[in-house]
Full PDB file with SEQRES, HELIX, SHEET, SSBOND, CRYST1, ORIGX, SCALE, CONECT and MASTER records, all heavy atoms in Angstrom:
SEQRES   1 A   38  ARG ILE ASP GLU ILE LEU PHE ILE ASP ALA ARG ASN MET          
SEQRES   2 A   38  GLY HIS LEU ILE ASN ARG ARG THR ARG GLU PHE SER ALA          
SEQRES   3 A   38  GLU ASP ILE ALA GLU ILE ALA GLY THR TYR HIS ASN              
HELIX    1 AA1 ALA A   26  HIS A   37  1                                  12    
SHEET    1 AA1 2 HIS A  15  ASN A  18  0                                        
SHEET    2 AA1 2 THR A  21  GLU A  23 -1                                        
CRYST1    1.000    1.000    1.000  90.00  90.00  90.00 P 1           1          
ORIGX1      1.000000  0.000000  0.000000        0.00000                         
ORIGX2      0.000000  1.000000  0.000000        0.00000                         
ORIGX3      0.000000  0.000000  1.000000        0.00000                         
SCALE1      1.000000  0.000000  0.000000        0.00000                         
SCALE2      0.000000  1.000000  0.000000        0.00000                         
SCALE3      0.000000  0.000000  1.000000        0.00000                         
ATOM      1  N   ARG A   1     -31.145  21.838 -30.140  1.00  0.00           N  
ATOM      2  CA  ARG A   1     -30.639  20.731 -30.964  1.00  0.00           C  
ATOM      3  C   ARG A   1     -31.688  20.344 -32.001  1.00  0.00           C  
ATOM      4  O   ARG A   1     -31.858  19.175 -32.364  1.00  0.00           O  
ATOM      5  CB  ARG A   1     -30.277  19.529 -30.080  1.00  0.00           C  
ATOM      6  CG  ARG A   1     -31.441  19.005 -29.274  1.00  0.00           C  
ATOM      7  CD  ARG A   1     -31.051  18.510 -27.875  1.00  0.00           C  
ATOM      8  NE  ARG A   1     -32.226  17.948 -27.200  1.00  0.00           N  
ATOM      9  CZ  ARG A   1     -33.113  18.687 -26.539  1.00  0.00           C  
ATOM     10  NH1 ARG A   1     -32.989  19.994 -26.458  1.00  0.00           N  
ATOM     11  NH2 ARG A   1     -34.151  18.104 -25.952  1.00  0.00           N  
ATOM     12  N   ILE A   2     -32.418  21.359 -32.453  1.00  0.00           N  
ATOM     13  CA  ILE A   2     -33.597  21.139 -33.284  1.00  0.00           C  
ATOM     14  C   ILE A   2     -33.274  20.428 -34.597  1.00  0.00           C  
ATOM     15  O   ILE A   2     -34.092  19.681 -35.134  1.00  0.00           O  
ATOM     16  CB  ILE A   2     -34.337  22.479 -33.538  1.00  0.00           C  
ATOM     17  CG1 ILE A   2     -35.748  22.212 -34.046  1.00  0.00           C  
ATOM     18  CG2 ILE A   2     -33.561  23.388 -34.474  1.00  0.00           C  
ATOM     19  CD1 ILE A   2     -36.673  23.397 -33.918  1.00  0.00           C  
ATOM     20  N   ASP A   3     -32.075  20.644 -35.139  1.00  0.00           N  
ATOM     21  CA  ASP A   3     -31.725  20.028 -36.418  1.00  0.00           C  
ATOM     22  C   ASP A   3     -30.781  18.838 -36.262  1.00  0.00           C  
ATOM     23  O   ASP A   3     -30.065  18.479 -37.202  1.00  0.00           O  
ATOM     24  CB  ASP A   3     -31.099  21.070 -37.349  1.00  0.00           C  
ATOM     25  CG  ASP A   3     -32.110  22.097 -37.823  1.00  0.00           C  
ATOM     26  OD1 ASP A   3     -33.268  21.700 -38.062  1.00  0.00           O  
ATOM     27  OD2 ASP A   3     -31.760  23.294 -37.923  1.00  0.00           O  
ATOM     28  N   GLU A   4     -30.777  18.214 -35.074  1.00  0.00           N  
ATOM     29  CA  GLU A   4     -29.895  17.079 -34.811  1.00  0.00           C  
ATOM     30  C   GLU A   4     -30.675  15.927 -34.169  1.00  0.00           C  
ATOM     31  O   GLU A   4     -31.688  16.143 -33.501  1.00  0.00           O  
ATOM     32  CB  GLU A   4     -28.777  17.483 -33.834  1.00  0.00           C  
ATOM     33  CG  GLU A   4     -27.920  18.653 -34.265  1.00  0.00           C  
ATOM     34  CD  GLU A   4     -27.080  19.158 -33.099  1.00  0.00           C  
ATOM     35  OE1 GLU A   4     -26.392  18.331 -32.454  1.00  0.00           O  
ATOM     36  OE2 GLU A   4     -27.134  20.356 -32.811  1.00  0.00           O  
ATOM     37  N   ILE A   5     -30.176  14.736 -34.350  1.00  0.00           N  
ATOM     38  CA  ILE A   5     -30.664  13.543 -33.639  1.00  0.00           C  
ATOM     39  C   ILE A   5     -29.441  12.791 -33.140  1.00  0.00           C  
ATOM     40  O   ILE A   5     -28.471  12.598 -33.884  1.00  0.00           O  
ATOM     41  CB  ILE A   5     -31.504  12.622 -34.556  1.00  0.00           C  
ATOM     42  CG1 ILE A   5     -32.765  13.345 -35.052  1.00  0.00           C  
ATOM     43  CG2 ILE A   5     -31.898  11.333 -33.813  1.00  0.00           C  
ATOM     44  CD1 ILE A   5     -33.567  12.549 -36.076  1.00  0.00           C  
ATOM     45  N   LEU A   6     -29.484  12.365 -31.873  1.00  0.00           N  
ATOM     46  CA  LEU A   6     -28.383  11.587 -31.324  1.00  0.00           C  
ATOM     47  C   LEU A   6     -28.658  10.106 -31.507  1.00  0.00           C  
ATOM     48  O   LEU A   6     -29.749   9.623 -31.166  1.00  0.00           O  
ATOM     49  CB  LEU A   6     -28.197  11.883 -29.831  1.00  0.00           C  
ATOM     50  CG  LEU A   6     -27.105  11.057 -29.137  1.00  0.00           C  
ATOM     51  CD1 LEU A   6     -25.726  11.380 -29.702  1.00  0.00           C  
ATOM     52  CD2 LEU A   6     -27.132  11.274 -27.621  1.00  0.00           C  
ATOM     53  N   PHE A   7     -27.677   9.392 -32.052  1.00  0.00           N  
ATOM     54  CA  PHE A   7     -27.786   7.942 -32.218  1.00  0.00           C  
ATOM     55  C   PHE A   7     -26.764   7.253 -31.316  1.00  0.00           C  
ATOM     56  O   PHE A   7     -25.577   7.608 -31.325  1.00  0.00           O  
ATOM     57  CB  PHE A   7     -27.548   7.540 -33.676  1.00  0.00           C  
ATOM     58  CG  PHE A   7     -28.616   8.031 -34.609  1.00  0.00           C  
ATOM     59  CD1 PHE A   7     -28.464   9.244 -35.287  1.00  0.00           C  
ATOM     60  CD2 PHE A   7     -29.781   7.309 -34.798  1.00  0.00           C  
ATOM     61  CE1 PHE A   7     -29.453   9.714 -36.131  1.00  0.00           C  
ATOM     62  CE2 PHE A   7     -30.781   7.763 -35.646  1.00  0.00           C  
ATOM     63  CZ  PHE A   7     -30.619   8.971 -36.320  1.00  0.00           C  
ATOM     64  N   ILE A   8     -27.237   6.269 -30.531  1.00  0.00           N  
ATOM     65  CA  ILE A   8     -26.362   5.495 -29.651  1.00  0.00           C  
ATOM     66  C   ILE A   8     -26.553   4.012 -29.967  1.00  0.00           C  
ATOM     67  O   ILE A   8     -27.675   3.517 -29.992  1.00  0.00           O  
ATOM     68  CB  ILE A   8     -26.685   5.749 -28.154  1.00  0.00           C  
ATOM     69  CG1 ILE A   8     -26.481   7.225 -27.806  1.00  0.00           C  
ATOM     70  CG2 ILE A   8     -25.828   4.857 -27.253  1.00  0.00           C  
ATOM     71  CD1 ILE A   8     -26.882   7.593 -26.380  1.00  0.00           C  
ATOM     72  N   ASP A   9     -25.447   3.326 -30.233  1.00  0.00           N  
ATOM     73  CA  ASP A   9     -25.504   1.894 -30.527  1.00  0.00           C  
ATOM     74  C   ASP A   9     -24.974   1.122 -29.311  1.00  0.00           C  
ATOM     75  O   ASP A   9     -23.773   1.055 -29.078  1.00  0.00           O  
ATOM     76  CB  ASP A   9     -24.670   1.562 -31.758  1.00  0.00           C  
ATOM     77  CG  ASP A   9     -24.970   0.166 -32.290  1.00  0.00           C  
ATOM     78  OD1 ASP A   9     -25.560  -0.631 -31.539  1.00  0.00           O  
ATOM     79  OD2 ASP A   9     -24.618  -0.128 -33.447  1.00  0.00           O  
ATOM     80  N   ALA A  10     -25.907   0.551 -28.538  1.00  0.00           N  
ATOM     81  CA  ALA A  10     -25.536  -0.168 -27.307  1.00  0.00           C  
ATOM     82  C   ALA A  10     -25.689  -1.672 -27.468  1.00  0.00           C  
ATOM     83  O   ALA A  10     -25.814  -2.403 -26.491  1.00  0.00           O  
ATOM     84  CB  ALA A  10     -26.403   0.328 -26.145  1.00  0.00           C  
ATOM     85  N   ARG A  11     -25.647  -2.151 -28.717  1.00  0.00           N  
ATOM     86  CA  ARG A  11     -25.873  -3.585 -28.971  1.00  0.00           C  
ATOM     87  C   ARG A  11     -24.854  -4.487 -28.289  1.00  0.00           C  
ATOM     88  O   ARG A  11     -25.153  -5.642 -27.964  1.00  0.00           O  
ATOM     89  CB  ARG A  11     -25.845  -3.864 -30.476  1.00  0.00           C  
ATOM     90  CG  ARG A  11     -27.115  -3.480 -31.191  1.00  0.00           C  
ATOM     91  CD  ARG A  11     -26.990  -3.737 -32.672  1.00  0.00           C  
ATOM     92  NE  ARG A  11     -25.921  -2.938 -33.278  1.00  0.00           N  
ATOM     93  CZ  ARG A  11     -25.532  -3.069 -34.540  1.00  0.00           C  
ATOM     94  NH1 ARG A  11     -26.099  -3.969 -35.314  1.00  0.00           N  
ATOM     95  NH2 ARG A  11     -24.571  -2.301 -35.020  1.00  0.00           N  
ATOM     96  N   ASN A  12     -23.642  -3.989 -28.075  1.00  0.00           N  
ATOM     97  CA  ASN A  12     -22.598  -4.830 -27.486  1.00  0.00           C  
ATOM     98  C   ASN A  12     -22.428  -4.611 -25.986  1.00  0.00           C  
ATOM     99  O   ASN A  12     -21.476  -5.101 -25.384  1.00  0.00           O  
ATOM    100  CB  ASN A  12     -21.266  -4.563 -28.195  1.00  0.00           C  
ATOM    101  CG  ASN A  12     -21.328  -4.953 -29.664  1.00  0.00           C  
ATOM    102  OD1 ASN A  12     -21.900  -5.979 -30.016  1.00  0.00           O  
ATOM    103  ND2 ASN A  12     -20.769  -4.120 -30.527  1.00  0.00           N  
ATOM    104  N   MET A  13     -23.368  -3.900 -25.395  1.00  0.00           N  
ATOM    105  CA  MET A  13     -23.272  -3.628 -23.963  1.00  0.00           C  
ATOM    106  C   MET A  13     -24.138  -4.611 -23.168  1.00  0.00           C  
ATOM    107  O   MET A  13     -24.909  -5.378 -23.735  1.00  0.00           O  
ATOM    108  CB  MET A  13     -23.676  -2.181 -23.663  1.00  0.00           C  
ATOM    109  CG  MET A  13     -22.780  -1.165 -24.367  1.00  0.00           C  
ATOM    110  SD  MET A  13     -23.209   0.556 -24.041  1.00  0.00           S  
ATOM    111  CE  MET A  13     -22.523   0.768 -22.412  1.00  0.00           C  
ATOM    112  N   GLY A  14     -23.994  -4.584 -21.843  1.00  0.00           N  
ATOM    113  CA  GLY A  14     -24.746  -5.499 -20.991  1.00  0.00           C  
ATOM    114  C   GLY A  14     -24.013  -6.806 -20.774  1.00  0.00           C  
ATOM    115  O   GLY A  14     -22.988  -7.082 -21.403  1.00  0.00           O  
ATOM    116  N   HIS A  15     -24.548  -7.638 -19.880  1.00  0.00           N  
ATOM    117  CA  HIS A  15     -23.935  -8.935 -19.571  1.00  0.00           C  
ATOM    118  C   HIS A  15     -25.033  -9.958 -19.325  1.00  0.00           C  
ATOM    119  O   HIS A  15     -26.138  -9.608 -18.902  1.00  0.00           O  
ATOM    120  CB  HIS A  15     -23.035  -8.825 -18.324  1.00  0.00           C  
ATOM    121  CG  HIS A  15     -23.772  -8.359 -17.104  1.00  0.00           C  
ATOM    122  ND1 HIS A  15     -24.032  -7.020 -16.855  1.00  0.00           N  
ATOM    123  CD2 HIS A  15     -24.336  -9.046 -16.074  1.00  0.00           C  
ATOM    124  CE1 HIS A  15     -24.706  -6.905 -15.725  1.00  0.00           C  
ATOM    125  NE2 HIS A  15     -24.905  -8.116 -15.231  1.00  0.00           N  
ATOM    126  N   LEU A  16     -24.736 -11.227 -19.594  1.00  0.00           N  
ATOM    127  CA  LEU A  16     -25.718 -12.298 -19.409  1.00  0.00           C  
ATOM    128  C   LEU A  16     -25.831 -12.651 -17.929  1.00  0.00           C  
ATOM    129  O   LEU A  16     -24.825 -12.853 -17.250  1.00  0.00           O  
ATOM    130  CB  LEU A  16     -25.312 -13.537 -20.204  1.00  0.00           C  
ATOM    131  CG  LEU A  16     -25.460 -13.434 -21.732  1.00  0.00           C  
ATOM    132  CD1 LEU A  16     -24.806 -14.639 -22.397  1.00  0.00           C  
ATOM    133  CD2 LEU A  16     -26.933 -13.342 -22.135  1.00  0.00           C  
ATOM    134  N   ILE A  17     -27.078 -12.734 -17.415  1.00  0.00           N  
ATOM    135  CA  ILE A  17     -27.290 -13.193 -16.040  1.00  0.00           C  
ATOM    136  C   ILE A  17     -27.707 -14.666 -16.023  1.00  0.00           C  
ATOM    137  O   ILE A  17     -27.648 -15.325 -15.000  1.00  0.00           O  
ATOM    138  CB  ILE A  17     -28.330 -12.332 -15.297  1.00  0.00           C  
ATOM    139  CG1 ILE A  17     -29.674 -12.299 -16.059  1.00  0.00           C  
ATOM    140  CG2 ILE A  17     -27.803 -10.927 -15.082  1.00  0.00           C  
ATOM    141  CD1 ILE A  17     -30.794 -11.621 -15.285  1.00  0.00           C  
ATOM    142  N   ASN A  18     -28.147 -15.166 -17.161  1.00  0.00           N  
ATOM    143  CA  ASN A  18     -28.330 -16.601 -17.381  1.00  0.00           C  
ATOM    144  C   ASN A  18     -28.264 -16.825 -18.884  1.00  0.00           C  
ATOM    145  O   ASN A  18     -27.986 -15.894 -19.642  1.00  0.00           O  
ATOM    146  CB  ASN A  18     -29.643 -17.131 -16.755  1.00  0.00           C  
ATOM    147  CG  ASN A  18     -30.876 -16.437 -17.327  1.00  0.00           C  
ATOM    148  OD1 ASN A  18     -30.959 -16.189 -18.528  1.00  0.00           O  
ATOM    149  ND2 ASN A  18     -31.827 -16.109 -16.467  1.00  0.00           N  
ATOM    150  N   ARG A  19     -28.497 -18.040 -19.319  1.00  0.00           N  
ATOM    151  CA  ARG A  19     -28.284 -18.389 -20.732  1.00  0.00           C  
ATOM    152  C   ARG A  19     -29.143 -17.550 -21.687  1.00  0.00           C  
ATOM    153  O   ARG A  19     -28.735 -17.276 -22.811  1.00  0.00           O  
ATOM    154  CB  ARG A  19     -28.599 -19.879 -20.917  1.00  0.00           C  
ATOM    155  CG  ARG A  19     -28.241 -20.444 -22.275  1.00  0.00           C  
ATOM    156  CD  ARG A  19     -28.376 -21.959 -22.286  1.00  0.00           C  
ATOM    157  NE  ARG A  19     -29.654 -22.405 -21.769  1.00  0.00           N  
ATOM    158  CZ  ARG A  19     -30.781 -22.469 -22.496  1.00  0.00           C  
ATOM    159  NH1 ARG A  19     -30.766 -22.102 -23.762  1.00  0.00           N  
ATOM    160  NH2 ARG A  19     -31.896 -22.896 -21.948  1.00  0.00           N  
ATOM    161  N   ARG A  20     -30.314 -17.112 -21.231  1.00  0.00           N  
ATOM    162  CA  ARG A  20     -31.225 -16.440 -22.158  1.00  0.00           C  
ATOM    163  C   ARG A  20     -31.551 -14.982 -21.789  1.00  0.00           C  
ATOM    164  O   ARG A  20     -32.373 -14.345 -22.449  1.00  0.00           O  
ATOM    165  CB  ARG A  20     -32.534 -17.231 -22.263  1.00  0.00           C  
ATOM    166  CG  ARG A  20     -33.380 -17.245 -21.010  1.00  0.00           C  
ATOM    167  CD  ARG A  20     -34.704 -17.960 -21.232  1.00  0.00           C  
ATOM    168  NE  ARG A  20     -35.605 -17.785 -20.108  1.00  0.00           N  
ATOM    169  CZ  ARG A  20     -35.627 -18.536 -19.036  1.00  0.00           C  
ATOM    170  NH1 ARG A  20     -34.776 -19.544 -18.918  1.00  0.00           N  
ATOM    171  NH2 ARG A  20     -36.486 -18.315 -18.056  1.00  0.00           N  
ATOM    172  N   THR A  21     -30.920 -14.463 -20.738  1.00  0.00           N  
ATOM    173  CA  THR A  21     -31.293 -13.122 -20.283  1.00  0.00           C  
ATOM    174  C   THR A  21     -30.073 -12.236 -20.055  1.00  0.00           C  
ATOM    175  O   THR A  21     -29.132 -12.633 -19.378  1.00  0.00           O  
ATOM    176  CB  THR A  21     -32.102 -13.203 -18.972  1.00  0.00           C  
ATOM    177  OG1 THR A  21     -33.143 -14.170 -19.114  1.00  0.00           O  
ATOM    178  CG2 THR A  21     -32.711 -11.854 -18.638  1.00  0.00           C  
ATOM    179  N   ARG A  22     -30.129 -11.054 -20.635  1.00  0.00           N  
ATOM    180  CA  ARG A  22     -29.057 -10.059 -20.498  1.00  0.00           C  
ATOM    181  C   ARG A  22     -29.584  -8.867 -19.717  1.00  0.00           C  
ATOM    182  O   ARG A  22     -30.781  -8.563 -19.732  1.00  0.00           O  
ATOM    183  CB  ARG A  22     -28.612  -9.628 -21.908  1.00  0.00           C  
ATOM    184  CG  ARG A  22     -27.483  -8.607 -21.945  1.00  0.00           C  
ATOM    185  CD  ARG A  22     -27.113  -8.264 -23.390  1.00  0.00           C  
ATOM    186  NE  ARG A  22     -26.524  -9.405 -24.080  1.00  0.00           N  
ATOM    187  CZ  ARG A  22     -25.236  -9.706 -24.078  1.00  0.00           C  
ATOM    188  NH1 ARG A  22     -24.378  -8.940 -23.428  1.00  0.00           N  
ATOM    189  NH2 ARG A  22     -24.783 -10.750 -24.725  1.00  0.00           N  
ATOM    190  N   GLU A  23     -28.674  -8.156 -19.024  1.00  0.00           N  
ATOM    191  CA  GLU A  23     -29.061  -6.916 -18.365  1.00  0.00           C  
ATOM    192  C   GLU A  23     -27.911  -5.916 -18.410  1.00  0.00           C  
ATOM    193  O   GLU A  23     -26.750  -6.283 -18.584  1.00  0.00           O  
ATOM    194  CB  GLU A  23     -29.503  -7.159 -16.919  1.00  0.00           C  
ATOM    195  CG  GLU A  23     -28.398  -7.534 -15.964  1.00  0.00           C  
ATOM    196  CD  GLU A  23     -28.884  -7.681 -14.530  1.00  0.00           C  
ATOM    197  OE1 GLU A  23     -30.115  -7.769 -14.319  1.00  0.00           O  
ATOM    198  OE2 GLU A  23     -28.032  -7.714 -13.625  1.00  0.00           O  
ATOM    199  N   PHE A  24     -28.258  -4.639 -18.260  1.00  0.00           N  
ATOM    200  CA  PHE A  24     -27.255  -3.583 -18.198  1.00  0.00           C  
ATOM    201  C   PHE A  24     -26.718  -3.467 -16.778  1.00  0.00           C  
ATOM    202  O   PHE A  24     -27.466  -3.610 -15.812  1.00  0.00           O  
ATOM    203  CB  PHE A  24     -27.858  -2.231 -18.595  1.00  0.00           C  
ATOM    204  CG  PHE A  24     -28.147  -2.079 -20.065  1.00  0.00           C  
ATOM    205  CD1 PHE A  24     -29.416  -1.722 -20.506  1.00  0.00           C  
ATOM    206  CD2 PHE A  24     -27.146  -2.253 -21.004  1.00  0.00           C  
ATOM    207  CE1 PHE A  24     -29.686  -1.565 -21.856  1.00  0.00           C  
ATOM    208  CE2 PHE A  24     -27.396  -2.099 -22.364  1.00  0.00           C  
ATOM    209  CZ  PHE A  24     -28.668  -1.753 -22.787  1.00  0.00           C  
ATOM    210  N   SER A  25     -25.435  -3.158 -16.664  1.00  0.00           N  
ATOM    211  CA  SER A  25     -24.847  -2.861 -15.358  1.00  0.00           C  
ATOM    212  C   SER A  25     -25.071  -1.386 -15.059  1.00  0.00           C  
ATOM    213  O   SER A  25     -25.456  -0.605 -15.943  1.00  0.00           O  
ATOM    214  CB  SER A  25     -23.349  -3.155 -15.368  1.00  0.00           C  
ATOM    215  OG  SER A  25     -22.680  -2.255 -16.244  1.00  0.00           O  
ATOM    216  N   ALA A  26     -24.814  -0.988 -13.817  1.00  0.00           N  
ATOM    217  CA  ALA A  26     -24.929   0.424 -13.441  1.00  0.00           C  
ATOM    218  C   ALA A  26     -23.974   1.275 -14.283  1.00  0.00           C  
ATOM    219  O   ALA A  26     -24.304   2.409 -14.670  1.00  0.00           O  
ATOM    220  CB  ALA A  26     -24.625   0.589 -11.957  1.00  0.00           C  
ATOM    221  N   GLU A  27     -22.799   0.713 -14.592  1.00  0.00           N  
ATOM    222  CA  GLU A  27     -21.824   1.435 -15.413  1.00  0.00           C  
ATOM    223  C   GLU A  27     -22.323   1.623 -16.840  1.00  0.00           C  
ATOM    224  O   GLU A  27     -22.134   2.690 -17.441  1.00  0.00           O  
ATOM    225  CB  GLU A  27     -20.476   0.688 -15.420  1.00  0.00           C  
ATOM    226  CG  GLU A  27     -19.740   0.660 -14.097  1.00  0.00           C  
ATOM    227  CD  GLU A  27     -20.349  -0.286 -13.068  1.00  0.00           C  
ATOM    228  OE1 GLU A  27     -21.066  -1.245 -13.477  1.00  0.00           O  
ATOM    229  OE2 GLU A  27     -20.119  -0.061 -11.861  1.00  0.00           O  
ATOM    230  N   ASP A  28     -22.977   0.585 -17.389  1.00  0.00           N  
ATOM    231  CA  ASP A  28     -23.554   0.694 -18.735  1.00  0.00           C  
ATOM    232  C   ASP A  28     -24.589   1.819 -18.778  1.00  0.00           C  
ATOM    233  O   ASP A  28     -24.597   2.653 -19.695  1.00  0.00           O  
ATOM    234  CB  ASP A  28     -24.245  -0.619 -19.136  1.00  0.00           C  
ATOM    235  CG  ASP A  28     -23.272  -1.769 -19.322  1.00  0.00           C  
ATOM    236  OD1 ASP A  28     -22.114  -1.510 -19.689  1.00  0.00           O  
ATOM    237  OD2 ASP A  28     -23.680  -2.929 -19.082  1.00  0.00           O  
ATOM    238  N   ILE A  29     -25.473   1.807 -17.780  1.00  0.00           N  
ATOM    239  CA  ILE A  29     -26.540   2.816 -17.718  1.00  0.00           C  
ATOM    240  C   ILE A  29     -25.953   4.210 -17.618  1.00  0.00           C  
ATOM    241  O   ILE A  29     -26.386   5.143 -18.308  1.00  0.00           O  
ATOM    242  CB  ILE A  29     -27.480   2.518 -16.527  1.00  0.00           C  
ATOM    243  CG1 ILE A  29     -28.263   1.217 -16.794  1.00  0.00           C  
ATOM    244  CG2 ILE A  29     -28.446   3.675 -16.273  1.00  0.00           C  
ATOM    245  CD1 ILE A  29     -28.989   0.658 -15.590  1.00  0.00           C  
ATOM    246  N   ALA A  30     -24.937   4.360 -16.757  1.00  0.00           N  
ATOM    247  CA  ALA A  30     -24.297   5.671 -16.578  1.00  0.00           C  
ATOM    248  C   ALA A  30     -23.643   6.149 -17.877  1.00  0.00           C  
ATOM    249  O   ALA A  30     -23.718   7.339 -18.226  1.00  0.00           O  
ATOM    250  CB  ALA A  30     -23.261   5.597 -15.460  1.00  0.00           C  
ATOM    251  N   GLU A  31     -23.034   5.225 -18.627  1.00  0.00           N  
ATOM    252  CA  GLU A  31     -22.353   5.608 -19.872  1.00  0.00           C  
ATOM    253  C   GLU A  31     -23.348   6.060 -20.941  1.00  0.00           C  
ATOM    254  O   GLU A  31     -23.149   7.079 -21.602  1.00  0.00           O  
ATOM    255  CB  GLU A  31     -21.515   4.440 -20.400  1.00  0.00           C  
ATOM    256  CG  GLU A  31     -20.715   4.813 -21.645  1.00  0.00           C  
ATOM    257  CD  GLU A  31     -19.806   3.696 -22.146  1.00  0.00           C  
ATOM    258  OE1 GLU A  31     -19.731   2.632 -21.480  1.00  0.00           O  
ATOM    259  OE2 GLU A  31     -19.170   3.900 -23.192  1.00  0.00           O  
ATOM    260  N   ILE A  32     -24.436   5.290 -21.095  1.00  0.00           N  
ATOM    261  CA  ILE A  32     -25.429   5.633 -22.124  1.00  0.00           C  
ATOM    262  C   ILE A  32     -26.152   6.928 -21.757  1.00  0.00           C  
ATOM    263  O   ILE A  32     -26.271   7.848 -22.577  1.00  0.00           O  
ATOM    264  CB  ILE A  32     -26.436   4.481 -22.311  1.00  0.00           C  
ATOM    265  CG1 ILE A  32     -25.727   3.211 -22.790  1.00  0.00           C  
ATOM    266  CG2 ILE A  32     -27.517   4.880 -23.312  1.00  0.00           C  
ATOM    267  CD1 ILE A  32     -26.577   1.952 -22.705  1.00  0.00           C  
ATOM    268  N   ALA A  33     -26.642   7.006 -20.509  1.00  0.00           N  
ATOM    269  CA  ALA A  33     -27.375   8.197 -20.072  1.00  0.00           C  
ATOM    270  C   ALA A  33     -26.456   9.426 -20.076  1.00  0.00           C  
ATOM    271  O   ALA A  33     -26.864  10.517 -20.491  1.00  0.00           O  
ATOM    272  CB  ALA A  33     -27.965   7.976 -18.677  1.00  0.00           C  
ATOM    273  N   GLY A  34     -25.203   9.238 -19.650  1.00  0.00           N  
ATOM    274  CA  GLY A  34     -24.251  10.341 -19.632  1.00  0.00           C  
ATOM    275  C   GLY A  34     -23.982  10.883 -21.018  1.00  0.00           C  
ATOM    276  O   GLY A  34     -23.825  12.103 -21.210  1.00  0.00           O  
ATOM    277  N   THR A  35     -23.918   9.997 -22.008  1.00  0.00           N  
ATOM    278  CA  THR A  35     -23.709  10.423 -23.405  1.00  0.00           C  
ATOM    279  C   THR A  35     -24.860  11.311 -23.863  1.00  0.00           C  
ATOM    280  O   THR A  35     -24.645  12.362 -24.479  1.00  0.00           O  
ATOM    281  CB  THR A  35     -23.587   9.184 -24.321  1.00  0.00           C  
ATOM    282  OG1 THR A  35     -22.480   8.388 -23.894  1.00  0.00           O  
ATOM    283  CG2 THR A  35     -23.391   9.589 -25.773  1.00  0.00           C  
ATOM    284  N   TYR A  36     -26.082  10.902 -23.553  1.00  0.00           N  
ATOM    285  CA  TYR A  36     -27.271  11.680 -23.937  1.00  0.00           C  
ATOM    286  C   TYR A  36     -27.275  13.042 -23.236  1.00  0.00           C  
ATOM    287  O   TYR A  36     -27.517  14.078 -23.858  1.00  0.00           O  
ATOM    288  CB  TYR A  36     -28.518  10.876 -23.579  1.00  0.00           C  
ATOM    289  CG  TYR A  36     -29.831  11.539 -23.922  1.00  0.00           C  
ATOM    290  CD1 TYR A  36     -30.033  12.160 -25.153  1.00  0.00           C  
ATOM    291  CD2 TYR A  36     -30.892  11.527 -23.015  1.00  0.00           C  
ATOM    292  CE1 TYR A  36     -31.251  12.747 -25.465  1.00  0.00           C  
ATOM    293  CE2 TYR A  36     -32.115  12.117 -23.319  1.00  0.00           C  
ATOM    294  CZ  TYR A  36     -32.288  12.724 -24.547  1.00  0.00           C  
ATOM    295  OH  TYR A  36     -33.495  13.311 -24.858  1.00  0.00           O  
ATOM    296  N   HIS A  37     -26.980  13.033 -21.940  1.00  0.00           N  
ATOM    297  CA  HIS A  37     -26.997  14.293 -21.185  1.00  0.00           C  
ATOM    298  C   HIS A  37     -25.905  15.250 -21.664  1.00  0.00           C  
ATOM    299  O   HIS A  37     -26.148  16.453 -21.795  1.00  0.00           O  
ATOM    300  CB  HIS A  37     -26.846  14.010 -19.686  1.00  0.00           C  
ATOM    301  CG  HIS A  37     -27.971  13.200 -19.128  1.00  0.00           C  
ATOM    302  ND1 HIS A  37     -27.883  12.479 -17.962  1.00  0.00           N  
ATOM    303  CD2 HIS A  37     -29.229  12.985 -19.595  1.00  0.00           C  
ATOM    304  CE1 HIS A  37     -29.033  11.854 -17.732  1.00  0.00           C  
ATOM    305  NE2 HIS A  37     -29.856  12.138 -18.705  1.00  0.00           N  
ATOM    306  N   ASN A  38     -24.712  14.726 -21.929  1.00  0.00           N  
ATOM    307  CA  ASN A  38     -23.633  15.577 -22.433  1.00  0.00           C  
ATOM    308  C   ASN A  38     -23.974  16.174 -23.791  1.00  0.00           C  
ATOM    309  O   ASN A  38     -23.552  17.289 -24.127  1.00  0.00           O  
ATOM    310  CB  ASN A  38     -22.326  14.781 -22.531  1.00  0.00           C  
ATOM    311  CG  ASN A  38     -21.600  14.708 -21.208  1.00  0.00           C  
ATOM    312  OD1 ASN A  38     -21.566  15.679 -20.462  1.00  0.00           O  
ATOM    313  ND2 ASN A  38     -21.027  13.559 -20.899  1.00  0.00           N  
TER     314      ASN A  38                                                      
MASTER        0    0    0    1    2    0    0    6  313    1    0    3          
END                                                                             
């Protein structure tokens, strides 16, 4: 893949665990990592 770069926009992923902190769910992680691996 020498002449390619993969771009992933995950800005709208994750969920708030309190008013000021967000985290990814296991499903979010699987989707992003799976996209890269595929």
